[in-house]
Amino acid sequence: DLVVERGQHIVIFGPSGSGKSTLLRTMNLLEEPDSGSVRFEGTE
């Protein structure tokens, strides 16, 4: 679960293999999640 607000600067860090890049790529569907909601400005 993650919310990105307008003007916010979110930094994600952690060990290799923790899912950071995959999480990032789900935000614009370069990786299609198996399940879950990706909403941009209220649209699914």
PDB file of all heavy atoms in Angstrom:
ATOM      1  N   ASP A   1       0.861  -1.184   0.000  1.00  0.00           N
ATOM      2  CA  ASP A   1       0.000   0.000   0.000  1.00  0.00           C
ATOM      3  C   ASP A   1       0.901   1.240   0.000  1.00  0.00           C
ATOM      4  O   ASP A   1       1.831   1.325   0.798  1.00  0.00           O
ATOM      5  CB  ASP A   1      -0.890   0.043   1.240  1.00  0.00           C
ATOM      6  CG  ASP A   1      -1.886  -1.106   1.286  1.00  0.00           C
ATOM      7  OD1 ASP A   1      -2.437  -1.460   0.235  1.00  0.00           O
ATOM      8  OD2 ASP A   1      -2.110  -1.640   2.398  1.00  0.00           O
ATOM      9  N   LEU A   2       0.601   2.190  -0.895  1.00  0.00           N
ATOM     10  CA  LEU A   2       1.433   3.397  -0.981  1.00  0.00           C
ATOM     11  C   LEU A   2       0.637   4.522  -1.625  1.00  0.00           C
ATOM     12  O   LEU A   2      -0.065   4.305  -2.616  1.00  0.00           O
ATOM     13  CB  LEU A   2       2.691   3.127  -1.806  1.00  0.00           C
ATOM     14  CG  LEU A   2       3.646   4.309  -2.024  1.00  0.00           C
ATOM     15  CD1 LEU A   2       4.237   4.785  -0.701  1.00  0.00           C
ATOM     16  CD2 LEU A   2       4.756   3.929  -2.998  1.00  0.00           C
ATOM     17  N   VAL A   3       0.740   5.711  -1.051  1.00  0.00           N
ATOM     18  CA  VAL A   3       0.107   6.908  -1.615  1.00  0.00           C
ATOM     19  C   VAL A   3       1.194   7.906  -1.969  1.00  0.00           C
ATOM     20  O   VAL A   3       2.091   8.169  -1.162  1.00  0.00           O
ATOM     21  CB  VAL A   3      -0.891   7.544  -0.625  1.00  0.00           C
ATOM     22  CG1 VAL A   3      -1.423   8.863  -1.187  1.00  0.00           C
ATOM     23  CG2 VAL A   3      -2.045   6.593  -0.347  1.00  0.00           C
ATOM     24  N   VAL A   4       1.121   8.446  -3.195  1.00  0.00           N
ATOM     25  CA  VAL A   4       2.031   9.499  -3.648  1.00  0.00           C
ATOM     26  C   VAL A   4       1.215  10.778  -3.787  1.00  0.00           C
ATOM     27  O   VAL A   4       0.264  10.825  -4.576  1.00  0.00           O
ATOM     28  CB  VAL A   4       2.686   9.152  -4.990  1.00  0.00           C
ATOM     29  CG1 VAL A   4       3.660  10.257  -5.411  1.00  0.00           C
ATOM     30  CG2 VAL A   4       3.397   7.803  -4.915  1.00  0.00           C
ATOM     31  N   GLU A   5       1.590  11.799  -3.042  1.00  0.00           N
ATOM     32  CA  GLU A   5       0.867  13.065  -3.090  1.00  0.00           C
ATOM     33  C   GLU A   5       1.591  14.066  -3.974  1.00  0.00           C
ATOM     34  O   GLU A   5       2.804  13.991  -4.165  1.00  0.00           O
ATOM     35  CB  GLU A   5       0.696  13.627  -1.676  1.00  0.00           C
ATOM     36  CG  GLU A   5      -0.155  12.740  -0.783  1.00  0.00           C
ATOM     37  CD  GLU A   5      -0.386  13.344   0.590  1.00  0.00           C
ATOM     38  OE1 GLU A   5       0.307  14.336   0.933  1.00  0.00           O
ATOM     39  OE2 GLU A   5      -1.252  12.837   1.322  1.00  0.00           O
ATOM     40  N   ARG A   6       0.832  14.998  -4.492  1.00  0.00           N
ATOM     41  CA  ARG A   6       1.382  16.012  -5.398  1.00  0.00           C
ATOM     42  C   ARG A   6       2.497  16.801  -4.716  1.00  0.00           C
ATOM     43  O   ARG A   6       2.343  17.288  -3.602  1.00  0.00           O
ATOM     44  CB  ARG A   6       0.262  16.967  -5.831  1.00  0.00           C
ATOM     45  CG  ARG A   6       0.492  17.657  -7.152  1.00  0.00           C
ATOM     46  CD  ARG A   6      -0.755  18.427  -7.578  1.00  0.00           C
ATOM     47  NE  ARG A   6      -1.949  17.591  -7.540  1.00  0.00           N
ATOM     48  CZ  ARG A   6      -2.295  16.733  -8.496  1.00  0.00           C
ATOM     49  NH1 ARG A   6      -1.527  16.583  -9.553  1.00  0.00           N
ATOM     50  NH2 ARG A   6      -3.413  16.030  -8.389  1.00  0.00           N
ATOM     51  N   GLY A   7       3.648  16.892  -5.400  1.00  0.00           N
ATOM     52  CA  GLY A   7       4.782  17.633  -4.863  1.00  0.00           C
ATOM     53  C   GLY A   7       5.630  16.846  -3.886  1.00  0.00           C
ATOM     54  O   GLY A   7       6.647  17.357  -3.403  1.00  0.00           O
ATOM     55  N   GLN A   8       5.245  15.619  -3.591  1.00  0.00           N
ATOM     56  CA  GLN A   8       5.976  14.799  -2.626  1.00  0.00           C
ATOM     57  C   GLN A   8       7.233  14.212  -3.252  1.00  0.00           C
ATOM     58  O   GLN A   8       7.289  13.948  -4.448  1.00  0.00           O
ATOM     59  CB  GLN A   8       5.065  13.667  -2.136  1.00  0.00           C
ATOM     60  CG  GLN A   8       5.577  12.905  -0.941  1.00  0.00           C
ATOM     61  CD  GLN A   8       4.552  11.891  -0.441  1.00  0.00           C
ATOM     62  OE1 GLN A   8       3.665  11.456  -1.177  1.00  0.00           O
ATOM     63  NE2 GLN A   8       4.659  11.504   0.821  1.00  0.00           N
ATOM     64  N   HIS A   9       8.257  14.006  -2.419  1.00  0.00           N
ATOM     65  CA  HIS A   9       9.500  13.372  -2.856  1.00  0.00           C
ATOM     66  C   HIS A   9       9.703  12.120  -2.014  1.00  0.00           C
ATOM     67  O   HIS A   9      10.098  12.200  -0.852  1.00  0.00           O
ATOM     68  CB  HIS A   9      10.692  14.329  -2.689  1.00  0.00           C
ATOM     69  CG  HIS A   9      10.448  15.666  -3.300  1.00  0.00           C
ATOM     70  ND1 HIS A   9      10.730  16.850  -2.637  1.00  0.00           N
ATOM     71  CD2 HIS A   9       9.924  16.015  -4.501  1.00  0.00           C
ATOM     72  CE1 HIS A   9      10.403  17.866  -3.413  1.00  0.00           C
ATOM     73  NE2 HIS A   9       9.915  17.380  -4.551  1.00  0.00           N
ATOM     74  N   ILE A  10       9.400  10.978  -2.604  1.00  0.00           N
ATOM     75  CA  ILE A  10       9.500   9.703  -1.906  1.00  0.00           C
ATOM     76  C   ILE A  10      10.792   9.013  -2.315  1.00  0.00           C
ATOM     77  O   ILE A  10      11.087   8.892  -3.505  1.00  0.00           O
ATOM     78  CB  ILE A  10       8.301   8.795  -2.231  1.00  0.00           C
ATOM     79  CG1 ILE A  10       7.002   9.432  -1.716  1.00  0.00           C
ATOM     80  CG2 ILE A  10       8.492   7.402  -1.633  1.00  0.00           C
ATOM     81  CD1 ILE A  10       5.757   8.633  -2.040  1.00  0.00           C
ATOM     82  N   VAL A  11      11.549   8.569  -1.336  1.00  0.00           N
ATOM     83  CA  VAL A  11      12.774   7.798  -1.591  1.00  0.00           C
ATOM     84  C   VAL A  11      12.568   6.391  -1.042  1.00  0.00           C
ATOM     85  O   VAL A  11      12.153   6.223   0.114  1.00  0.00           O
ATOM     86  CB  VAL A  11      14.001   8.455  -0.938  1.00  0.00           C
ATOM     87  CG1 VAL A  11      15.218   7.548  -1.070  1.00  0.00           C
ATOM     88  CG2 VAL A  11      14.287   9.812  -1.589  1.00  0.00           C
ATOM     89  N   ILE A  12      12.843   5.390  -1.879  1.00  0.00           N
ATOM     90  CA  ILE A  12      12.707   3.989  -1.486  1.00  0.00           C
ATOM     91  C   ILE A  12      14.098   3.367  -1.446  1.00  0.00           C
ATOM     92  O   ILE A  12      14.850   3.453  -2.422  1.00  0.00           O
ATOM     93  CB  ILE A  12      11.811   3.229  -2.477  1.00  0.00           C
ATOM     94  CG1 ILE A  12      10.429   3.897  -2.562  1.00  0.00           C
ATOM     95  CG2 ILE A  12      11.658   1.771  -2.046  1.00  0.00           C
ATOM     96  CD1 ILE A  12       9.518   3.310  -3.640  1.00  0.00           C
ATOM     97  N   PHE A  13      14.441   2.748  -0.325  1.00  0.00           N
ATOM     98  CA  PHE A  13      15.751   2.117  -0.209  1.00  0.00           C
ATOM     99  C   PHE A  13      15.600   0.770   0.485  1.00  0.00           C
ATOM    100  O   PHE A  13      14.558   0.449   1.073  1.00  0.00           O
ATOM    101  CB  PHE A  13      16.744   3.022   0.527  1.00  0.00           C
ATOM    102  CG  PHE A  13      16.390   3.314   1.958  1.00  0.00           C
ATOM    103  CD1 PHE A  13      16.987   2.603   2.994  1.00  0.00           C
ATOM    104  CD2 PHE A  13      15.469   4.312   2.282  1.00  0.00           C
ATOM    105  CE1 PHE A  13      16.679   2.874   4.314  1.00  0.00           C
ATOM    106  CE2 PHE A  13      15.148   4.583   3.609  1.00  0.00           C
ATOM    107  CZ  PHE A  13      15.754   3.861   4.621  1.00  0.00           C
ATOM    108  N   GLY A  14      16.637  -0.035   0.385  1.00  0.00           N
ATOM    109  CA  GLY A  14      16.615  -1.358   0.991  1.00  0.00           C
ATOM    110  C   GLY A  14      17.584  -2.271   0.275  1.00  0.00           C
ATOM    111  O   GLY A  14      18.189  -1.898  -0.728  1.00  0.00           O
ATOM    112  N   PRO A  15      17.755  -3.499   0.770  1.00  0.00           N
ATOM    113  CA  PRO A  15      18.717  -4.423   0.166  1.00  0.00           C
ATOM    114  C   PRO A  15      18.302  -4.867  -1.226  1.00  0.00           C
ATOM    115  O   PRO A  15      17.137  -4.757  -1.610  1.00  0.00           O
ATOM    116  CB  PRO A  15      18.729  -5.600   1.151  1.00  0.00           C
ATOM    117  CG  PRO A  15      17.414  -5.530   1.851  1.00  0.00           C
ATOM    118  CD  PRO A  15      17.075  -4.077   1.952  1.00  0.00           C
ATOM    119  N   SER A  16      19.254  -5.378  -1.988  1.00  0.00           N
ATOM    120  CA  SER A  16      18.966  -5.925  -3.312  1.00  0.00           C
ATOM    121  C   SER A  16      17.953  -7.054  -3.184  1.00  0.00           C
ATOM    122  O   SER A  16      18.006  -7.851  -2.245  1.00  0.00           O
ATOM    123  CB  SER A  16      20.248  -6.455  -3.963  1.00  0.00           C
ATOM    124  OG  SER A  16      21.173  -5.408  -4.160  1.00  0.00           O
ATOM    125  N   GLY A  17      17.022  -7.097  -4.142  1.00  0.00           N
ATOM    126  CA  GLY A  17      16.024  -8.155  -4.134  1.00  0.00           C
ATOM    127  C   GLY A  17      14.848  -7.910  -3.220  1.00  0.00           C
ATOM    128  O   GLY A  17      14.002  -8.796  -3.033  1.00  0.00           O
ATOM    129  N   SER A  18      14.747  -6.699  -2.662  1.00  0.00           N
ATOM    130  CA  SER A  18      13.655  -6.416  -1.728  1.00  0.00           C
ATOM    131  C   SER A  18      12.360  -6.021  -2.428  1.00  0.00           C
ATOM    132  O   SER A  18      11.317  -5.894  -1.780  1.00  0.00           O
ATOM    133  CB  SER A  18      14.063  -5.318  -0.740  1.00  0.00           C
ATOM    134  OG  SER A  18      14.435  -4.137  -1.420  1.00  0.00           O
ATOM    135  N   GLY A  19      12.415  -5.795  -3.759  1.00  0.00           N
ATOM    136  CA  GLY A  19      11.209  -5.454  -4.505  1.00  0.00           C
ATOM    137  C   GLY A  19      11.086  -3.988  -4.872  1.00  0.00           C
ATOM    138  O   GLY A  19      10.065  -3.559  -5.419  1.00  0.00           O
ATOM    139  N   LYS A  20      12.126  -3.215  -4.619  1.00  0.00           N
ATOM    140  CA  LYS A  20      12.065  -1.759  -4.836  1.00  0.00           C
ATOM    141  C   LYS A  20      11.761  -1.407  -6.287  1.00  0.00           C
ATOM    142  O   LYS A  20      10.834  -0.645  -6.583  1.00  0.00           O
ATOM    143  CB  LYS A  20      13.394  -1.101  -4.420  1.00  0.00           C
ATOM    144  CG  LYS A  20      13.873  -1.419  -3.024  1.00  0.00           C
ATOM    145  CD  LYS A  20      15.150  -0.696  -2.674  1.00  0.00           C
ATOM    146  CE  LYS A  20      16.328  -1.032  -3.572  1.00  0.00           C
ATOM    147  NZ  LYS A  20      16.744  -2.443  -3.470  1.00  0.00           N
ATOM    148  N   SER A  21      12.567  -1.927  -7.210  1.00  0.00           N
ATOM    149  CA  SER A  21      12.392  -1.589  -8.621  1.00  0.00           C
ATOM    150  C   SER A  21      11.077  -2.128  -9.168  1.00  0.00           C
ATOM    151  O   SER A  21      10.412  -1.461  -9.980  1.00  0.00           O
ATOM    152  CB  SER A  21      13.568  -2.126  -9.450  1.00  0.00           C
ATOM    153  OG  SER A  21      14.767  -1.452  -9.112  1.00  0.00           O
ATOM    154  N   THR A  22      10.691  -3.307  -8.728  1.00  0.00           N
ATOM    155  CA  THR A  22       9.414  -3.863  -9.172  1.00  0.00           C
ATOM    156  C   THR A  22       8.262  -2.985  -8.711  1.00  0.00           C
ATOM    157  O   THR A  22       7.317  -2.717  -9.468  1.00  0.00           O
ATOM    158  CB  THR A  22       9.236  -5.298  -8.653  1.00  0.00           C
ATOM    159  OG1 THR A  22      10.334  -6.102  -9.112  1.00  0.00           O
ATOM    160  CG2 THR A  22       7.939  -5.909  -9.151  1.00  0.00           C
ATOM    161  N   LEU A  23       8.332  -2.512  -7.477  1.00  0.00           N
ATOM    162  CA  LEU A  23       7.296  -1.603  -6.979  1.00  0.00           C
ATOM    163  C   LEU A  23       7.220  -0.354  -7.842  1.00  0.00           C
ATOM    164  O   LEU A  23       6.124   0.079  -8.240  1.00  0.00           O
ATOM    165  CB  LEU A  23       7.600  -1.222  -5.528  1.00  0.00           C
ATOM    166  CG  LEU A  23       6.710  -0.140  -4.911  1.00  0.00           C
ATOM    167  CD1 LEU A  23       5.249  -0.553  -4.932  1.00  0.00           C
ATOM    168  CD2 LEU A  23       7.157   0.176  -3.487  1.00  0.00           C
ATOM    169  N   LEU A  24       8.372   0.219  -8.152  1.00  0.00           N
ATOM    170  CA  LEU A  24       8.404   1.424  -8.972  1.00  0.00           C
ATOM    171  C   LEU A  24       7.754   1.175 -10.328  1.00  0.00           C
ATOM    172  O   LEU A  24       6.953   1.980 -10.810  1.00  0.00           O
ATOM    173  CB  LEU A  24       9.863   1.872  -9.155  1.00  0.00           C
ATOM    174  CG  LEU A  24      10.091   3.341  -9.514  1.00  0.00           C
ATOM    175  CD1 LEU A  24       9.742   4.226  -8.335  1.00  0.00           C
ATOM    176  CD2 LEU A  24      11.544   3.570  -9.917  1.00  0.00           C
ATOM    177  N   ARG A  25       8.071   0.031 -10.931  1.00  0.00           N
ATOM    178  CA  ARG A  25       7.582  -0.278 -12.270  1.00  0.00           C
ATOM    179  C   ARG A  25       6.097  -0.620 -12.302  1.00  0.00           C
ATOM    180  O   ARG A  25       5.475  -0.552 -13.362  1.00  0.00           O
ATOM    181  CB  ARG A  25       8.412  -1.416 -12.864  1.00  0.00           C
ATOM    182  CG  ARG A  25       9.853  -1.002 -13.172  1.00  0.00           C
ATOM    183  CD  ARG A  25      10.740  -2.214 -13.409  1.00  0.00           C
ATOM    184  NE  ARG A  25      10.413  -2.889 -14.657  1.00  0.00           N
ATOM    185  CZ  ARG A  25      10.939  -2.606 -15.841  1.00  0.00           C
ATOM    186  NH1 ARG A  25      11.857  -1.647 -15.943  1.00  0.00           N
ATOM    187  NH2 ARG A  25      10.593  -3.265 -16.920  1.00  0.00           N
ATOM    188  N   THR A  26       5.513  -0.959 -11.155  1.00  0.00           N
ATOM    189  CA  THR A  26       4.064  -1.167 -11.142  1.00  0.00           C
ATOM    190  C   THR A  26       3.303   0.160 -11.202  1.00  0.00           C
ATOM    191  O   THR A  26       2.140   0.182 -11.595  1.00  0.00           O
ATOM    192  CB  THR A  26       3.605  -1.941  -9.890  1.00  0.00           C
ATOM    193  OG1 THR A  26       3.905  -1.186  -8.712  1.00  0.00           O
ATOM    194  CG2 THR A  26       4.242  -3.308  -9.816  1.00  0.00           C
ATOM    195  N   MET A  27       3.966   1.244 -10.822  1.00  0.00           N
ATOM    196  CA  MET A  27       3.268   2.533 -10.795  1.00  0.00           C
ATOM    197  C   MET A  27       2.859   3.004 -12.186  1.00  0.00           C
ATOM    198  O   MET A  27       1.876   3.736 -12.337  1.00  0.00           O
ATOM    199  CB  MET A  27       4.143   3.595 -10.120  1.00  0.00           C
ATOM    200  CG  MET A  27       4.299   3.382  -8.641  1.00  0.00           C
ATOM    201  SD  MET A  27       5.154   4.767  -7.869  1.00  0.00           S
ATOM    202  CE  MET A  27       5.496   4.052  -6.260  1.00  0.00           C
ATOM    203  N   ASN A  28       3.636   2.620 -13.217  1.00  0.00           N
ATOM    204  CA  ASN A  28       3.225   2.971 -14.582  1.00  0.00           C
ATOM    205  C   ASN A  28       2.975   1.723 -15.425  1.00  0.00           C
ATOM    206  O   ASN A  28       2.937   1.787 -16.653  1.00  0.00           O
ATOM    207  CB  ASN A  28       4.249   3.896 -15.251  1.00  0.00           C
ATOM    208  CG  ASN A  28       5.604   3.245 -15.428  1.00  0.00           C
ATOM    209  OD1 ASN A  28       5.819   2.104 -15.010  1.00  0.00           O
ATOM    210  ND2 ASN A  28       6.526   3.964 -16.046  1.00  0.00           N
ATOM    211  N   LEU A  29       2.796   0.596 -14.726  1.00  0.00           N
ATOM    212  CA  LEU A  29       2.420  -0.683 -15.353  1.00  0.00           C
ATOM    213  C   LEU A  29       3.455  -1.212 -16.339  1.00  0.00           C
ATOM    214  O   LEU A  29       3.113  -1.967 -17.246  1.00  0.00           O
ATOM    215  CB  LEU A  29       1.044  -0.599 -16.021  1.00  0.00           C
ATOM    216  CG  LEU A  29      -0.138  -0.337 -15.087  1.00  0.00           C
ATOM    217  CD1 LEU A  29      -1.448  -0.473 -15.849  1.00  0.00           C
ATOM    218  CD2 LEU A  29      -0.130  -1.265 -13.875  1.00  0.00           C
ATOM    219  N   LEU A  30       4.727  -0.811 -16.164  1.00  0.00           N
ATOM    220  CA  LEU A  30       5.772  -1.538 -16.876  1.00  0.00           C
ATOM    221  C   LEU A  30       5.834  -2.968 -16.351  1.00  0.00           C
ATOM    222  O   LEU A  30       6.267  -3.882 -17.054  1.00  0.00           O
ATOM    223  CB  LEU A  30       7.120  -0.838 -16.715  1.00  0.00           C
ATOM    224  CG  LEU A  30       7.313   0.415 -17.554  1.00  0.00           C
ATOM    225  CD1 LEU A  30       8.669   1.040 -17.253  1.00  0.00           C
ATOM    226  CD2 LEU A  30       7.178   0.134 -19.041  1.00  0.00           C
ATOM    227  N   GLU A  31       5.430  -3.137 -15.095  1.00  0.00           N
ATOM    228  CA  GLU A  31       5.171  -4.462 -14.546  1.00  0.00           C
ATOM    229  C   GLU A  31       3.702  -4.507 -14.147  1.00  0.00           C
ATOM    230  O   GLU A  31       3.256  -3.709 -13.324  1.00  0.00           O
ATOM    231  CB  GLU A  31       6.050  -4.757 -13.319  1.00  0.00           C
ATOM    232  CG  GLU A  31       7.515  -4.929 -13.604  1.00  0.00           C
ATOM    233  CD  GLU A  31       7.836  -6.205 -14.362  1.00  0.00           C
ATOM    234  OE1 GLU A  31       6.928  -7.035 -14.572  1.00  0.00           O
ATOM    235  OE2 GLU A  31       9.013  -6.357 -14.752  1.00  0.00           O
ATOM    236  N   GLU A  32       2.955  -5.399 -14.759  1.00  0.00           N
ATOM    237  CA  GLU A  32       1.540  -5.552 -14.414  1.00  0.00           C
ATOM    238  C   GLU A  32       1.440  -6.353 -13.120  1.00  0.00           C
ATOM    239  O   GLU A  32       1.891  -7.498 -13.053  1.00  0.00           O
ATOM    240  CB  GLU A  32       0.811  -6.289 -15.535  1.00  0.00           C
ATOM    241  CG  GLU A  32      -0.657  -6.530 -15.266  1.00  0.00           C
ATOM    242  CD  GLU A  32      -1.536  -5.329 -15.577  1.00  0.00           C
ATOM    243  OE1 GLU A  32      -1.111  -4.482 -16.395  1.00  0.00           O
ATOM    244  OE2 GLU A  32      -2.632  -5.247 -15.008  1.00  0.00           O
ATOM    245  N   PRO A  33       0.852  -5.791 -12.064  1.00  0.00           N
ATOM    246  CA  PRO A  33       0.721  -6.564 -10.837  1.00  0.00           C
ATOM    247  C   PRO A  33      -0.230  -7.744 -11.024  1.00  0.00           C
ATOM    248  O   PRO A  33      -1.142  -7.688 -11.847  1.00  0.00           O
ATOM    249  CB  PRO A  33       0.160  -5.550  -9.828  1.00  0.00           C
ATOM    250  CG  PRO A  33      -0.414  -4.455 -10.642  1.00  0.00           C
ATOM    251  CD  PRO A  33       0.318  -4.426 -11.936  1.00  0.00           C
ATOM    252  N   ASP A  34      -0.005  -8.805 -10.263  1.00  0.00           N
ATOM    253  CA  ASP A  34      -0.910  -9.954 -10.316  1.00  0.00           C
ATOM    254  C   ASP A  34      -2.282  -9.588  -9.764  1.00  0.00           C
ATOM    255  O   ASP A  34      -3.307 -10.075 -10.240  1.00  0.00           O
ATOM    256  CB  ASP A  34      -0.330 -11.122  -9.516  1.00  0.00           C
ATOM    257  CG  ASP A  34       1.016 -11.577 -10.070  1.00  0.00           C
ATOM    258  OD1 ASP A  34       1.203 -11.506 -11.298  1.00  0.00           O
ATOM    259  OD2 ASP A  34       1.873 -11.993  -9.276  1.00  0.00           O
ATOM    260  N   SER A  35      -2.267  -8.756  -8.746  1.00  0.00           N
ATOM    261  CA  SER A  35      -3.518  -8.274  -8.164  1.00  0.00           C
ATOM    262  C   SER A  35      -3.236  -6.964  -7.448  1.00  0.00           C
ATOM    263  O   SER A  35      -2.096  -6.640  -7.132  1.00  0.00           O
ATOM    264  CB  SER A  35      -4.096  -9.304  -7.180  1.00  0.00           C
ATOM    265  OG  SER A  35      -3.206  -9.520  -6.103  1.00  0.00           O
ATOM    266  N   GLY A  36      -4.300  -6.212  -7.226  1.00  0.00           N
ATOM    267  CA  GLY A  36      -4.157  -4.942  -6.527  1.00  0.00           C
ATOM    268  C   GLY A  36      -4.545  -3.762  -7.388  1.00  0.00           C
ATOM    269  O   GLY A  36      -4.690  -3.870  -8.604  1.00  0.00           O
ATOM    270  N   SER A  37      -4.708  -2.635  -6.735  1.00  0.00           N
ATOM    271  CA  SER A  37      -5.200  -1.420  -7.376  1.00  0.00           C
ATOM    272  C   SER A  37      -4.064  -0.435  -7.641  1.00  0.00           C
ATOM    273  O   SER A  37      -3.263  -0.150  -6.745  1.00  0.00           O
ATOM    274  CB  SER A  37      -6.245  -0.759  -6.468  1.00  0.00           C
ATOM    275  OG  SER A  37      -6.621   0.515  -6.955  1.00  0.00           O
ATOM    276  N   VAL A  38      -3.995   0.061  -8.890  1.00  0.00           N
ATOM    277  CA  VAL A  38      -3.088   1.142  -9.269  1.00  0.00           C
ATOM    278  C   VAL A  38      -3.960   2.283  -9.759  1.00  0.00           C
ATOM    279  O   VAL A  38      -4.520   2.230 -10.854  1.00  0.00           O
ATOM    280  CB  VAL A  38      -2.114   0.717 -10.384  1.00  0.00           C
ATOM    281  CG1 VAL A  38      -1.193   1.881 -10.761  1.00  0.00           C
ATOM    282  CG2 VAL A  38      -1.298  -0.489  -9.963  1.00  0.00           C
ATOM    283  N   ARG A  39      -4.118   3.296  -8.924  1.00  0.00           N
ATOM    284  CA  ARG A  39      -4.966   4.424  -9.305  1.00  0.00           C
ATOM    285  C   ARG A  39      -4.118   5.666  -9.515  1.00  0.00           C
ATOM    286  O   ARG A  39      -3.273   6.010  -8.698  1.00  0.00           O
ATOM    287  CB  ARG A  39      -6.037   4.683  -8.243  1.00  0.00           C
ATOM    288  CG  ARG A  39      -7.082   3.577  -8.211  1.00  0.00           C
ATOM    289  CD  ARG A  39      -8.363   4.000  -7.541  1.00  0.00           C
ATOM    290  NE  ARG A  39      -9.363   2.941  -7.659  1.00  0.00           N
ATOM    291  CZ  ARG A  39     -10.628   3.065  -7.291  1.00  0.00           C
ATOM    292  NH1 ARG A  39     -11.042   4.210  -6.769  1.00  0.00           N
ATOM    293  NH2 ARG A  39     -11.467   2.068  -7.421  1.00  0.00           N
ATOM    294  N   PHE A  40      -4.391   6.336 -10.632  1.00  0.00           N
ATOM    295  CA  PHE A  40      -3.731   7.597 -10.949  1.00  0.00           C
ATOM    296  C   PHE A  40      -4.812   8.658 -11.064  1.00  0.00           C
ATOM    297  O   PHE A  40      -5.723   8.545 -11.894  1.00  0.00           O
ATOM    298  CB  PHE A  40      -2.949   7.492 -12.258  1.00  0.00           C
ATOM    299  CG  PHE A  40      -2.336   8.788 -12.701  1.00  0.00           C
ATOM    300  CD1 PHE A  40      -1.165   9.257 -12.120  1.00  0.00           C
ATOM    301  CD2 PHE A  40      -2.945   9.567 -13.678  1.00  0.00           C
ATOM    302  CE1 PHE A  40      -0.607  10.458 -12.519  1.00  0.00           C
ATOM    303  CE2 PHE A  40      -2.389  10.767 -14.090  1.00  0.00           C
ATOM    304  CZ  PHE A  40      -1.220  11.222 -13.497  1.00  0.00           C
ATOM    305  N   GLU A  41      -4.740   9.665 -10.187  1.00  0.00           N
ATOM    306  CA  GLU A  41      -5.737  10.731 -10.124  1.00  0.00           C
ATOM    307  C   GLU A  41      -7.150  10.165 -10.102  1.00  0.00           C
ATOM    308  O   GLU A  41      -8.071  10.660 -10.750  1.00  0.00           O
ATOM    309  CB  GLU A  41      -5.541  11.722 -11.272  1.00  0.00           C
ATOM    310  CG  GLU A  41      -4.220  12.480 -11.169  1.00  0.00           C
ATOM    311  CD  GLU A  41      -4.070  13.614 -12.165  1.00  0.00           C
ATOM    312  OE1 GLU A  41      -4.675  13.514 -13.253  1.00  0.00           O
ATOM    313  OE2 GLU A  41      -3.358  14.579 -11.845  1.00  0.00           O
ATOM    314  N   GLY A  42      -7.320   9.068  -9.350  1.00  0.00           N
ATOM    315  CA  GLY A  42      -8.637   8.496  -9.115  1.00  0.00           C
ATOM    316  C   GLY A  42      -9.104   7.470 -10.118  1.00  0.00           C
ATOM    317  O   GLY A  42     -10.082   6.780  -9.887  1.00  0.00           O
ATOM    318  N   THR A  43      -8.401   7.333 -11.243  1.00  0.00           N
ATOM    319  CA  THR A  43      -8.788   6.358 -12.260  1.00  0.00           C
ATOM    320  C   THR A  43      -8.012   5.064 -12.058  1.00  0.00           C
ATOM    321  O   THR A  43      -6.802   5.091 -11.834  1.00  0.00           O
ATOM    322  CB  THR A  43      -8.529   6.909 -13.674  1.00  0.00           C
ATOM    323  OG1 THR A  43      -9.384   8.040 -13.901  1.00  0.00           O
ATOM    324  CG2 THR A  43      -8.806   5.865 -14.745  1.00  0.00           C
ATOM    325  N   GLU A  44      -8.685   3.941 -12.135  1.00  0.00           N
ATOM    326  CA  GLU A  44      -8.064   2.634 -11.953  1.00  0.00           C
ATOM    327  C   GLU A  44      -7.355   2.193 -13.225  1.00  0.00           C
ATOM    328  O   GLU A  44      -7.936   2.222 -14.316  1.00  0.00           O
ATOM    329  CB  GLU A  44      -9.124   1.584 -11.578  1.00  0.00           C
ATOM    330  CG  GLU A  44      -8.570   0.192 -11.358  1.00  0.00           C
ATOM    331  CD  GLU A  44      -7.642   0.120 -10.159  1.00  0.00           C
ATOM    332  OE1 GLU A  44      -8.137   0.258  -9.019  1.00  0.00           O
ATOM    333  OE2 GLU A  44      -6.433  -0.079 -10.378  1.00  0.00           O
TER     334      GLU A  44
END
